[in-house]
Amino acid sequence: METTGVVRRIDDLGRVVIPKEIRRTLGIKDGTSLEIFVEKDMVALKKHSSMNNLSHFAEVYVDSIYNALKKDIIITDRDNIIACAGSLKKEYLNKPISSYLEECINKRNNIIEEDMKEINIINEKQEYCSYVINTIISNGDSIGLIIILSLDDKVSSLEIKTAQIAAQFFGKHIEE
């Protein structure tokens, strides 16, 4: 574990302030949930993602959809791509999502782009495709995205409906 050299006092209510520079570096914003871990005499904080608990299940899910539709499919949490199937899997799995996708989550956007268009899945790379994006909503919070990409033709009504169903399924599954 890396030391920062920053020391903070705990106030009378047991609170400690995480310095702005550290929050910015780790992408911790107002309202971000943190998990607390204790080991011997150490307390560690980690950004919490309810989607991370489902990463293995999400991988099986996207593989099943890919086998049926033969379209690339991606599942994200608020920060990273947690599951991916298709030709783009090696390029995208476990990578941080683009600022465009972060905005989609924050605005709860559901997008259908039937024409071939560039999209940033991760900040370093663009794909030219048609696509559908559905926000995963759980307990009233937007927690991730389902994205289906068509690299060679327009997304069909089947792919649009599949993305809607998958987003609702994951949202309900996390609530339980």
N, C-alpha and C. Protein backbone atom coordinates (compact mmCIF):
# COMPACT_ATOMS: atom_id res chain seq x y z
N MET A 1 0.85 -1.17 0.00
CA MET A 1 0.00 0.00 0.00
C MET A 1 0.89 1.23 0.00
N GLU A 2 0.52 2.21 -0.80
CA GLU A 2 1.33 3.41 -0.98
C GLU A 2 0.95 4.48 0.04
N THR A 3 1.93 5.10 0.66
CA THR A 3 1.65 6.17 1.62
C THR A 3 1.54 7.50 0.88
N THR A 4 0.67 8.38 1.36
CA THR A 4 0.49 9.69 0.73
C THR A 4 1.19 10.79 1.52
N GLY A 5 1.53 10.51 2.77
CA GLY A 5 2.13 11.54 3.61
C GLY A 5 1.12 12.52 4.18
N VAL A 6 -0.16 12.28 3.90
CA VAL A 6 -1.22 13.15 4.39
C VAL A 6 -1.73 12.61 5.72
N VAL A 7 -1.86 13.49 6.72
CA VAL A 7 -2.38 13.10 8.03
C VAL A 7 -3.63 13.93 8.30
N ARG A 8 -4.68 13.29 8.76
CA ARG A 8 -5.93 13.97 9.11
C ARG A 8 -6.38 13.51 10.49
N ARG A 9 -7.00 14.42 11.23
CA ARG A 9 -7.55 14.08 12.55
C ARG A 9 -9.01 13.66 12.38
N ILE A 10 -9.45 12.76 13.25
CA ILE A 10 -10.85 12.35 13.30
C ILE A 10 -11.57 13.33 14.20
N ASP A 11 -12.72 13.85 13.75
CA ASP A 11 -13.47 14.80 14.59
C ASP A 11 -14.28 14.06 15.64
N ASP A 12 -15.00 14.80 16.46
CA ASP A 12 -15.74 14.20 17.58
C ASP A 12 -16.90 13.30 17.14
N LEU A 13 -17.28 13.36 15.87
CA LEU A 13 -18.32 12.47 15.34
C LEU A 13 -17.74 11.27 14.60
N GLY A 14 -16.41 11.14 14.62
CA GLY A 14 -15.76 10.00 13.98
C GLY A 14 -15.51 10.19 12.49
N ARG A 15 -15.61 11.41 12.01
CA ARG A 15 -15.42 11.68 10.59
C ARG A 15 -13.98 12.06 10.29
N VAL A 16 -13.57 11.73 9.08
CA VAL A 16 -12.27 12.13 8.58
C VAL A 16 -12.46 12.63 7.15
N VAL A 17 -11.75 13.68 6.77
CA VAL A 17 -11.87 14.25 5.43
C VAL A 17 -10.82 13.63 4.52
N ILE A 18 -11.27 13.13 3.37
CA ILE A 18 -10.34 12.63 2.36
C ILE A 18 -9.93 13.83 1.52
N PRO A 19 -8.63 14.12 1.45
CA PRO A 19 -8.18 15.31 0.71
C PRO A 19 -8.67 15.33 -0.73
N LYS A 20 -8.93 16.54 -1.21
CA LYS A 20 -9.47 16.76 -2.54
C LYS A 20 -8.60 16.11 -3.63
N GLU A 21 -7.28 16.21 -3.50
CA GLU A 21 -6.37 15.66 -4.50
C GLU A 21 -6.54 14.14 -4.62
N ILE A 22 -6.70 13.48 -3.47
CA ILE A 22 -6.88 12.02 -3.47
C ILE A 22 -8.25 11.67 -4.06
N ARG A 23 -9.30 12.42 -3.69
CA ARG A 23 -10.62 12.16 -4.26
C ARG A 23 -10.61 12.35 -5.77
N ARG A 24 -9.96 13.38 -6.24
CA ARG A 24 -9.88 13.64 -7.68
C ARG A 24 -9.12 12.51 -8.39
N THR A 25 -7.98 12.11 -7.84
CA THR A 25 -7.17 11.05 -8.44
C THR A 25 -7.94 9.74 -8.54
N LEU A 26 -8.71 9.41 -7.51
CA LEU A 26 -9.45 8.15 -7.49
C LEU A 26 -10.85 8.24 -8.09
N GLY A 27 -11.25 9.44 -8.51
CA GLY A 27 -12.58 9.60 -9.10
C GLY A 27 -13.70 9.47 -8.09
N ILE A 28 -13.42 9.89 -6.84
CA ILE A 28 -14.44 9.84 -5.79
C ILE A 28 -15.17 11.18 -5.79
N LYS A 29 -16.46 11.13 -6.11
CA LYS A 29 -17.28 12.34 -6.18
C LYS A 29 -18.28 12.35 -5.03
N ASP A 30 -18.96 13.48 -4.83
CA ASP A 30 -20.01 13.55 -3.82
C ASP A 30 -21.01 12.43 -4.07
N GLY A 31 -21.38 11.71 -3.04
CA GLY A 31 -22.36 10.64 -3.15
C GLY A 31 -21.77 9.29 -3.49
N THR A 32 -20.45 9.21 -3.75
CA THR A 32 -19.82 7.94 -4.05
C THR A 32 -19.85 7.05 -2.81
N SER A 33 -20.25 5.80 -2.98
CA SER A 33 -20.25 4.84 -1.87
C SER A 33 -18.86 4.26 -1.71
N LEU A 34 -18.42 4.13 -0.46
CA LEU A 34 -17.12 3.54 -0.16
C LEU A 34 -17.30 2.33 0.74
N GLU A 35 -16.52 1.28 0.46
CA GLU A 35 -16.48 0.11 1.33
C GLU A 35 -15.36 0.32 2.33
N ILE A 36 -15.56 -0.14 3.55
CA ILE A 36 -14.55 0.01 4.60
C ILE A 36 -14.01 -1.38 4.93
N PHE A 37 -12.69 -1.51 4.88
CA PHE A 37 -12.00 -2.76 5.19
C PHE A 37 -11.09 -2.53 6.39
N VAL A 38 -10.99 -3.52 7.27
CA VAL A 38 -10.12 -3.45 8.44
C VAL A 38 -9.21 -4.67 8.43
N GLU A 39 -7.91 -4.41 8.61
CA GLU A 39 -6.94 -5.50 8.72
C GLU A 39 -5.93 -5.09 9.78
N LYS A 40 -5.91 -5.85 10.88
CA LYS A 40 -5.05 -5.55 12.03
C LYS A 40 -5.26 -4.10 12.46
N ASP A 41 -4.25 -3.24 12.31
CA ASP A 41 -4.39 -1.86 12.75
C ASP A 41 -4.58 -0.89 11.58
N MET A 42 -5.09 -1.39 10.45
CA MET A 42 -5.24 -0.57 9.26
C MET A 42 -6.71 -0.52 8.82
N VAL A 43 -7.15 0.67 8.41
CA VAL A 43 -8.48 0.87 7.84
C VAL A 43 -8.26 1.30 6.39
N ALA A 44 -8.93 0.63 5.46
CA ALA A 44 -8.81 0.97 4.04
C ALA A 44 -10.20 1.25 3.48
N LEU A 45 -10.27 2.21 2.57
CA LEU A 45 -11.51 2.56 1.89
C LEU A 45 -11.37 2.19 0.42
N LYS A 46 -12.45 1.69 -0.16
CA LYS A 46 -12.46 1.31 -1.56
C LYS A 46 -13.79 1.75 -2.16
N LYS A 47 -13.75 2.27 -3.40
CA LYS A 47 -14.99 2.63 -4.07
C LYS A 47 -15.86 1.39 -4.18
N HIS A 48 -17.13 1.53 -3.82
CA HIS A 48 -18.05 0.40 -3.84
C HIS A 48 -18.81 0.37 -5.16
N SER A 49 -18.96 -0.82 -5.71
CA SER A 49 -19.78 -1.02 -6.89
C SER A 49 -20.63 -2.27 -6.67
N SER A 50 -21.93 -2.09 -6.62
CA SER A 50 -22.81 -3.24 -6.46
C SER A 50 -22.74 -4.14 -7.69
N MET A 51 -22.30 -3.60 -8.81
CA MET A 51 -22.17 -4.39 -10.04
C MET A 51 -20.96 -5.33 -9.97
N ASN A 52 -19.90 -4.96 -9.24
CA ASN A 52 -18.72 -5.81 -9.16
C ASN A 52 -19.03 -7.18 -8.60
N ASN A 53 -19.99 -7.25 -7.68
CA ASN A 53 -20.38 -8.54 -7.11
C ASN A 53 -20.99 -9.46 -8.16
N LEU A 54 -21.42 -8.88 -9.27
CA LEU A 54 -22.07 -9.65 -10.32
C LEU A 54 -21.18 -9.88 -11.54
N SER A 55 -19.89 -9.58 -11.45
CA SER A 55 -19.05 -9.61 -12.65
C SER A 55 -19.01 -11.00 -13.30
N HIS A 56 -18.91 -12.07 -12.50
CA HIS A 56 -18.90 -13.40 -13.10
C HIS A 56 -20.25 -13.71 -13.76
N PHE A 57 -21.32 -13.40 -13.05
CA PHE A 57 -22.67 -13.60 -13.60
C PHE A 57 -22.84 -12.76 -14.87
N ALA A 58 -22.35 -11.52 -14.86
CA ALA A 58 -22.47 -10.64 -16.02
C ALA A 58 -21.72 -11.21 -17.22
N GLU A 59 -20.56 -11.81 -16.98
CA GLU A 59 -19.79 -12.42 -18.07
C GLU A 59 -20.58 -13.57 -18.73
N VAL A 60 -21.17 -14.41 -17.91
CA VAL A 60 -21.98 -15.51 -18.45
C VAL A 60 -23.18 -14.96 -19.21
N TYR A 61 -23.79 -13.93 -18.67
CA TYR A 61 -24.96 -13.30 -19.29
C TYR A 61 -24.62 -12.75 -20.67
N VAL A 62 -23.51 -11.95 -20.76
CA VAL A 62 -23.16 -11.36 -22.06
C VAL A 62 -22.73 -12.42 -23.06
N ASP A 63 -22.06 -13.47 -22.59
CA ASP A 63 -21.70 -14.56 -23.51
C ASP A 63 -22.95 -15.21 -24.10
N SER A 64 -23.97 -15.40 -23.28
CA SER A 64 -25.23 -15.99 -23.76
C SER A 64 -25.90 -15.09 -24.79
N ILE A 65 -25.93 -13.80 -24.52
CA ILE A 65 -26.55 -12.87 -25.48
C ILE A 65 -25.74 -12.83 -26.77
N TYR A 66 -24.42 -12.80 -26.64
CA TYR A 66 -23.57 -12.78 -27.84
C TYR A 66 -23.80 -14.03 -28.69
N ASN A 67 -23.91 -15.19 -28.05
CA ASN A 67 -24.13 -16.43 -28.80
C ASN A 67 -25.45 -16.40 -29.55
N ALA A 68 -26.44 -15.70 -29.02
CA ALA A 68 -27.75 -15.62 -29.68
C ALA A 68 -27.79 -14.54 -30.76
N LEU A 69 -27.22 -13.35 -30.47
CA LEU A 69 -27.35 -12.22 -31.38
C LEU A 69 -26.15 -12.02 -32.32
N LYS A 70 -24.99 -12.52 -31.91
CA LYS A 70 -23.74 -12.29 -32.64
C LYS A 70 -23.43 -10.80 -32.75
N LYS A 71 -23.73 -10.05 -31.69
CA LYS A 71 -23.41 -8.62 -31.59
C LYS A 71 -22.59 -8.41 -30.34
N ASP A 72 -21.63 -7.48 -30.42
CA ASP A 72 -20.82 -7.17 -29.24
C ASP A 72 -21.71 -6.57 -28.16
N ILE A 73 -21.50 -6.99 -26.93
CA ILE A 73 -22.29 -6.48 -25.81
C ILE A 73 -21.35 -6.17 -24.65
N ILE A 74 -21.65 -5.07 -23.97
CA ILE A 74 -20.82 -4.58 -22.88
C ILE A 74 -21.71 -4.24 -21.70
N ILE A 75 -21.24 -4.58 -20.49
CA ILE A 75 -21.90 -4.15 -19.26
C ILE A 75 -20.88 -3.35 -18.46
N THR A 76 -21.30 -2.18 -17.99
CA THR A 76 -20.42 -1.34 -17.18
C THR A 76 -21.02 -1.12 -15.80
N ASP A 77 -20.15 -0.74 -14.86
CA ASP A 77 -20.64 -0.12 -13.63
C ASP A 77 -20.39 1.38 -13.83
N ARG A 78 -20.32 2.16 -12.80
CA ARG A 78 -20.14 3.60 -12.95
C ARG A 78 -18.72 3.98 -13.38
N ASP A 79 -17.79 3.04 -13.28
CA ASP A 79 -16.39 3.36 -13.56
C ASP A 79 -15.74 2.51 -14.65
N ASN A 80 -16.08 1.22 -14.70
CA ASN A 80 -15.34 0.27 -15.54
C ASN A 80 -16.26 -0.63 -16.34
N ILE A 81 -15.67 -1.25 -17.34
CA ILE A 81 -16.37 -2.29 -18.09
C ILE A 81 -16.19 -3.59 -17.31
N ILE A 82 -17.30 -4.14 -16.82
CA ILE A 82 -17.21 -5.33 -15.95
C ILE A 82 -17.48 -6.62 -16.71
N ALA A 83 -18.10 -6.53 -17.89
CA ALA A 83 -18.35 -7.72 -18.70
C ALA A 83 -18.42 -7.29 -20.16
N CYS A 84 -17.92 -8.18 -21.02
CA CYS A 84 -17.88 -7.85 -22.45
C CYS A 84 -17.82 -9.16 -23.23
N ALA A 85 -18.55 -9.21 -24.33
CA ALA A 85 -18.51 -10.39 -25.20
C ALA A 85 -18.46 -9.93 -26.64
N GLY A 86 -17.74 -10.69 -27.44
CA GLY A 86 -17.62 -10.37 -28.85
C GLY A 86 -16.20 -10.01 -29.22
N SER A 87 -16.05 -9.41 -30.38
CA SER A 87 -14.72 -9.12 -30.93
C SER A 87 -13.95 -8.07 -30.13
N LEU A 88 -14.65 -7.28 -29.34
CA LEU A 88 -14.00 -6.18 -28.61
C LEU A 88 -13.60 -6.55 -27.18
N LYS A 89 -13.87 -7.77 -26.77
CA LYS A 89 -13.67 -8.18 -25.38
C LYS A 89 -12.25 -7.90 -24.88
N LYS A 90 -11.24 -8.32 -25.62
CA LYS A 90 -9.86 -8.16 -25.16
C LYS A 90 -9.46 -6.69 -25.04
N GLU A 91 -10.03 -5.84 -25.89
CA GLU A 91 -9.68 -4.42 -25.86
C GLU A 91 -10.34 -3.67 -24.70
N TYR A 92 -11.51 -4.11 -24.25
CA TYR A 92 -12.31 -3.31 -23.34
C TYR A 92 -12.49 -3.86 -21.93
N LEU A 93 -12.44 -5.15 -21.74
CA LEU A 93 -12.78 -5.72 -20.43
C LEU A 93 -11.89 -5.14 -19.33
N ASN A 94 -12.53 -4.72 -18.24
CA ASN A 94 -11.89 -4.16 -17.04
C ASN A 94 -11.22 -2.81 -17.27
N LYS A 95 -11.54 -2.13 -18.36
CA LYS A 95 -10.99 -0.80 -18.62
C LYS A 95 -11.97 0.27 -18.10
N PRO A 96 -11.44 1.45 -17.74
CA PRO A 96 -12.32 2.54 -17.32
C PRO A 96 -13.18 3.03 -18.49
N ILE A 97 -14.42 3.36 -18.20
CA ILE A 97 -15.33 3.83 -19.24
C ILE A 97 -14.99 5.28 -19.62
N SER A 98 -15.44 5.67 -20.81
CA SER A 98 -15.19 7.02 -21.31
C SER A 98 -16.04 8.04 -20.56
N SER A 99 -15.65 9.30 -20.70
CA SER A 99 -16.43 10.38 -20.10
C SER A 99 -17.82 10.45 -20.73
N TYR A 100 -17.93 10.06 -22.01
CA TYR A 100 -19.24 10.02 -22.67
C TYR A 100 -20.17 9.02 -21.98
N LEU A 101 -19.65 7.82 -21.66
CA LEU A 101 -20.48 6.83 -20.98
C LEU A 101 -20.78 7.25 -19.54
N GLU A 102 -19.84 7.89 -18.87
CA GLU A 102 -20.12 8.43 -17.53
C GLU A 102 -21.28 9.40 -17.58
N GLU A 103 -21.28 10.25 -18.60
CA GLU A 103 -22.37 11.22 -18.77
C GLU A 103 -23.70 10.51 -19.03
N CYS A 104 -23.67 9.44 -19.82
CA CYS A 104 -24.89 8.66 -20.08
C CYS A 104 -25.46 8.11 -18.76
N ILE A 105 -24.57 7.62 -17.89
CA ILE A 105 -25.01 7.09 -16.60
C ILE A 105 -25.60 8.21 -15.75
N ASN A 106 -24.88 9.32 -15.65
CA ASN A 106 -25.33 10.42 -14.81
C ASN A 106 -26.65 11.01 -15.27
N LYS A 107 -26.85 11.07 -16.58
CA LYS A 107 -28.09 11.64 -17.13
C LYS A 107 -29.17 10.58 -17.35
N ARG A 108 -28.83 9.30 -17.04
CA ARG A 108 -29.76 8.19 -17.22
C ARG A 108 -30.24 8.07 -18.67
N ASN A 109 -29.32 8.31 -19.58
CA ASN A 109 -29.66 8.28 -21.01
C ASN A 109 -29.87 6.85 -21.50
N ASN A 110 -30.90 6.68 -22.29
CA ASN A 110 -31.12 5.48 -23.07
C ASN A 110 -31.04 5.94 -24.52
N ILE A 111 -30.07 5.41 -25.26
CA ILE A 111 -29.79 5.92 -26.60
C ILE A 111 -29.91 4.79 -27.62
N ILE A 112 -30.56 5.10 -28.72
CA ILE A 112 -30.60 4.20 -29.87
C ILE A 112 -29.98 4.97 -31.03
N GLU A 113 -28.83 4.53 -31.50
CA GLU A 113 -28.17 5.15 -32.65
C GLU A 113 -28.20 4.15 -33.79
N GLU A 114 -29.18 4.30 -34.68
CA GLU A 114 -29.35 3.34 -35.77
C GLU A 114 -28.37 3.55 -36.91
N ASP A 115 -27.89 4.78 -37.09
CA ASP A 115 -26.92 5.05 -38.14
C ASP A 115 -25.52 4.77 -37.61
N MET A 116 -24.63 4.41 -38.51
CA MET A 116 -23.23 4.17 -38.14
C MET A 116 -22.63 5.50 -37.67
N LYS A 117 -22.01 5.46 -36.50
CA LYS A 117 -21.52 6.67 -35.87
C LYS A 117 -20.35 6.30 -34.96
N GLU A 118 -19.47 7.25 -34.67
CA GLU A 118 -18.38 6.98 -33.75
C GLU A 118 -18.87 7.08 -32.31
N ILE A 119 -18.37 6.18 -31.48
CA ILE A 119 -18.69 6.20 -30.05
C ILE A 119 -17.42 5.88 -29.28
N ASN A 120 -17.22 6.60 -28.19
CA ASN A 120 -16.10 6.33 -27.29
C ASN A 120 -16.57 5.42 -26.17
N ILE A 121 -16.09 4.19 -26.16
CA ILE A 121 -16.38 3.27 -25.06
C ILE A 121 -15.37 3.50 -23.95
N ILE A 122 -14.11 3.60 -24.34
CA ILE A 122 -13.05 4.03 -23.43
C ILE A 122 -12.45 5.29 -24.05
N ASN A 123 -11.82 6.11 -23.24
CA ASN A 123 -11.36 7.41 -23.74
C ASN A 123 -10.33 7.31 -24.86
N GLU A 124 -9.53 6.27 -24.89
CA GLU A 124 -8.45 6.18 -25.86
C GLU A 124 -8.88 5.68 -27.24
N LYS A 125 -10.12 5.19 -27.38
CA LYS A 125 -10.46 4.49 -28.62
C LYS A 125 -11.91 4.75 -29.01
N GLN A 126 -12.13 4.84 -30.33
CA GLN A 126 -13.47 5.02 -30.85
C GLN A 126 -13.85 3.81 -31.70
N GLU A 127 -15.14 3.50 -31.68
CA GLU A 127 -15.69 2.46 -32.55
C GLU A 127 -16.66 3.14 -33.51
N TYR A 128 -16.70 2.67 -34.73
CA TYR A 128 -17.64 3.15 -35.73
C TYR A 128 -18.71 2.07 -35.87
N CYS A 129 -19.92 2.36 -35.40
CA CYS A 129 -20.96 1.34 -35.34
C CYS A 129 -22.32 1.98 -35.10
N SER A 130 -23.35 1.18 -35.17
CA SER A 130 -24.65 1.59 -34.63
C SER A 130 -24.76 0.91 -33.27
N TYR A 131 -25.54 1.48 -32.38
CA TYR A 131 -25.54 0.95 -31.01
C TYR A 131 -26.80 1.32 -30.26
N VAL A 132 -26.99 0.60 -29.18
CA VAL A 132 -28.05 0.91 -28.22
C VAL A 132 -27.42 0.92 -26.83
N ILE A 133 -27.78 1.92 -26.05
CA ILE A 133 -27.30 2.07 -24.67
C ILE A 133 -28.52 2.16 -23.76
N ASN A 134 -28.54 1.33 -22.73
CA ASN A 134 -29.59 1.41 -21.71
C ASN A 134 -28.95 1.53 -20.34
N THR A 135 -29.47 2.44 -19.54
CA THR A 135 -28.96 2.66 -18.19
C THR A 135 -29.56 1.62 -17.24
N ILE A 136 -28.71 1.07 -16.39
CA ILE A 136 -29.17 0.14 -15.35
C ILE A 136 -29.53 0.97 -14.13
N ILE A 137 -30.80 0.87 -13.71
CA ILE A 137 -31.30 1.61 -12.55
C ILE A 137 -31.63 0.60 -11.46
N SER A 138 -31.07 0.84 -10.26
CA SER A 138 -31.35 -0.03 -9.12
C SER A 138 -31.61 0.84 -7.90
N ASN A 139 -32.73 0.59 -7.23
CA ASN A 139 -33.12 1.37 -6.05
C ASN A 139 -33.10 2.87 -6.34
N GLY A 140 -33.49 3.24 -7.55
CA GLY A 140 -33.57 4.65 -7.93
C GLY A 140 -32.25 5.27 -8.36
N ASP A 141 -31.14 4.52 -8.29
CA ASP A 141 -29.83 5.04 -8.67
C ASP A 141 -29.38 4.45 -10.00
N SER A 142 -28.75 5.27 -10.84
CA SER A 142 -28.15 4.75 -12.07
C SER A 142 -26.79 4.17 -11.71
N ILE A 143 -26.60 2.89 -12.03
CA ILE A 143 -25.40 2.19 -11.55
C ILE A 143 -24.52 1.63 -12.66
N GLY A 144 -24.97 1.71 -13.91
CA GLY A 144 -24.19 1.17 -15.00
C GLY A 144 -24.95 1.21 -16.30
N LEU A 145 -24.38 0.56 -17.31
CA LEU A 145 -24.96 0.56 -18.65
C LEU A 145 -24.93 -0.83 -19.27
N ILE A 146 -25.90 -1.07 -20.14
CA ILE A 146 -25.88 -2.19 -21.07
C ILE A 146 -25.70 -1.55 -22.45
N ILE A 147 -24.70 -2.03 -23.19
CA ILE A 147 -24.43 -1.48 -24.52
C ILE A 147 -24.36 -2.64 -25.51
N ILE A 148 -25.13 -2.54 -26.58
CA ILE A 148 -25.04 -3.52 -27.67
C ILE A 148 -24.59 -2.76 -28.92
N LEU A 149 -23.51 -3.26 -29.53
CA LEU A 149 -22.91 -2.62 -30.69
C LEU A 149 -23.12 -3.47 -31.93
N SER A 150 -23.44 -2.81 -33.04
CA SER A 150 -23.50 -3.50 -34.32
C SER A 150 -22.44 -2.86 -35.21
N LEU A 151 -21.36 -3.60 -35.45
CA LEU A 151 -20.22 -3.06 -36.18
C LEU A 151 -20.41 -3.06 -37.69
N ASP A 152 -21.45 -3.78 -38.18
CA ASP A 152 -21.60 -3.91 -39.63
C ASP A 152 -22.94 -3.46 -40.20
N ASP A 153 -23.97 -3.32 -39.37
CA ASP A 153 -25.26 -2.87 -39.87
C ASP A 153 -26.03 -2.18 -38.74
N LYS A 154 -27.26 -1.78 -39.03
CA LYS A 154 -28.07 -1.09 -38.02
C LYS A 154 -28.47 -2.04 -36.90
N VAL A 155 -28.58 -1.49 -35.68
CA VAL A 155 -29.12 -2.31 -34.60
C VAL A 155 -30.59 -2.58 -34.92
N SER A 156 -31.02 -3.78 -34.63
CA SER A 156 -32.40 -4.18 -34.92
C SER A 156 -33.28 -3.97 -33.70
N SER A 157 -34.57 -4.13 -33.91
CA SER A 157 -35.51 -4.01 -32.79
C SER A 157 -35.25 -5.10 -31.75
N LEU A 158 -34.75 -6.25 -32.18
CA LEU A 158 -34.41 -7.33 -31.25
C LEU A 158 -33.28 -6.90 -30.33
N GLU A 159 -32.25 -6.28 -30.87
CA GLU A 159 -31.12 -5.81 -30.05
C GLU A 159 -31.54 -4.68 -29.11
N ILE A 160 -32.41 -3.81 -29.59
CA ILE A 160 -32.91 -2.72 -28.76
C ILE A 160 -33.69 -3.28 -27.58
N LYS A 161 -34.57 -4.23 -27.84
CA LYS A 161 -35.37 -4.85 -26.78
C LYS A 161 -34.49 -5.65 -25.83
N THR A 162 -33.48 -6.34 -26.36
CA THR A 162 -32.57 -7.12 -25.52
C THR A 162 -31.83 -6.22 -24.54
N ALA A 163 -31.37 -5.06 -25.00
CA ALA A 163 -30.67 -4.12 -24.11
C ALA A 163 -31.61 -3.61 -23.01
N GLN A 164 -32.86 -3.33 -23.37
CA GLN A 164 -33.84 -2.87 -22.37
C GLN A 164 -34.09 -3.95 -21.32
N ILE A 165 -34.28 -5.16 -21.77
CA ILE A 165 -34.54 -6.28 -20.84
C ILE A 165 -33.34 -6.51 -19.94
N ALA A 166 -32.15 -6.50 -20.51
CA ALA A 166 -30.93 -6.73 -19.72
C ALA A 166 -30.76 -5.64 -18.64
N ALA A 167 -30.99 -4.39 -19.00
CA ALA A 167 -30.86 -3.29 -18.03
C ALA A 167 -31.87 -3.46 -16.90
N GLN A 168 -33.11 -3.79 -17.23
CA GLN A 168 -34.13 -4.01 -16.20
C GLN A 168 -33.78 -5.22 -15.34
N PHE A 169 -33.31 -6.28 -15.96
CA PHE A 169 -32.96 -7.49 -15.23
C PHE A 169 -31.86 -7.22 -14.21
N PHE A 170 -30.77 -6.57 -14.64
CA PHE A 170 -29.67 -6.30 -13.71
C PHE A 170 -30.10 -5.33 -12.61
N GLY A 171 -30.91 -4.34 -12.96
CA GLY A 171 -31.41 -3.41 -11.94
C GLY A 171 -32.22 -4.11 -10.88
N LYS A 172 -33.13 -4.98 -11.28
CA LYS A 172 -33.96 -5.74 -10.34
C LYS A 172 -33.13 -6.75 -9.55
N HIS A 173 -32.18 -7.40 -10.23
CA HIS A 173 -31.35 -8.41 -9.57
C HIS A 173 -30.52 -7.80 -8.43
N ILE A 174 -30.02 -6.61 -8.64
CA ILE A 174 -29.21 -5.94 -7.62
C ILE A 174 -30.08 -5.48 -6.45
N GLU A 175 -31.33 -5.09 -6.74
CA GLU A 175 -32.23 -4.66 -5.67
C GLU A 175 -32.53 -5.78 -4.69
N GLU A 176 -32.51 -7.02 -5.15
CA GLU A 176 -32.90 -8.15 -4.29
C GLU A 176 -31.76 -8.62 -3.42
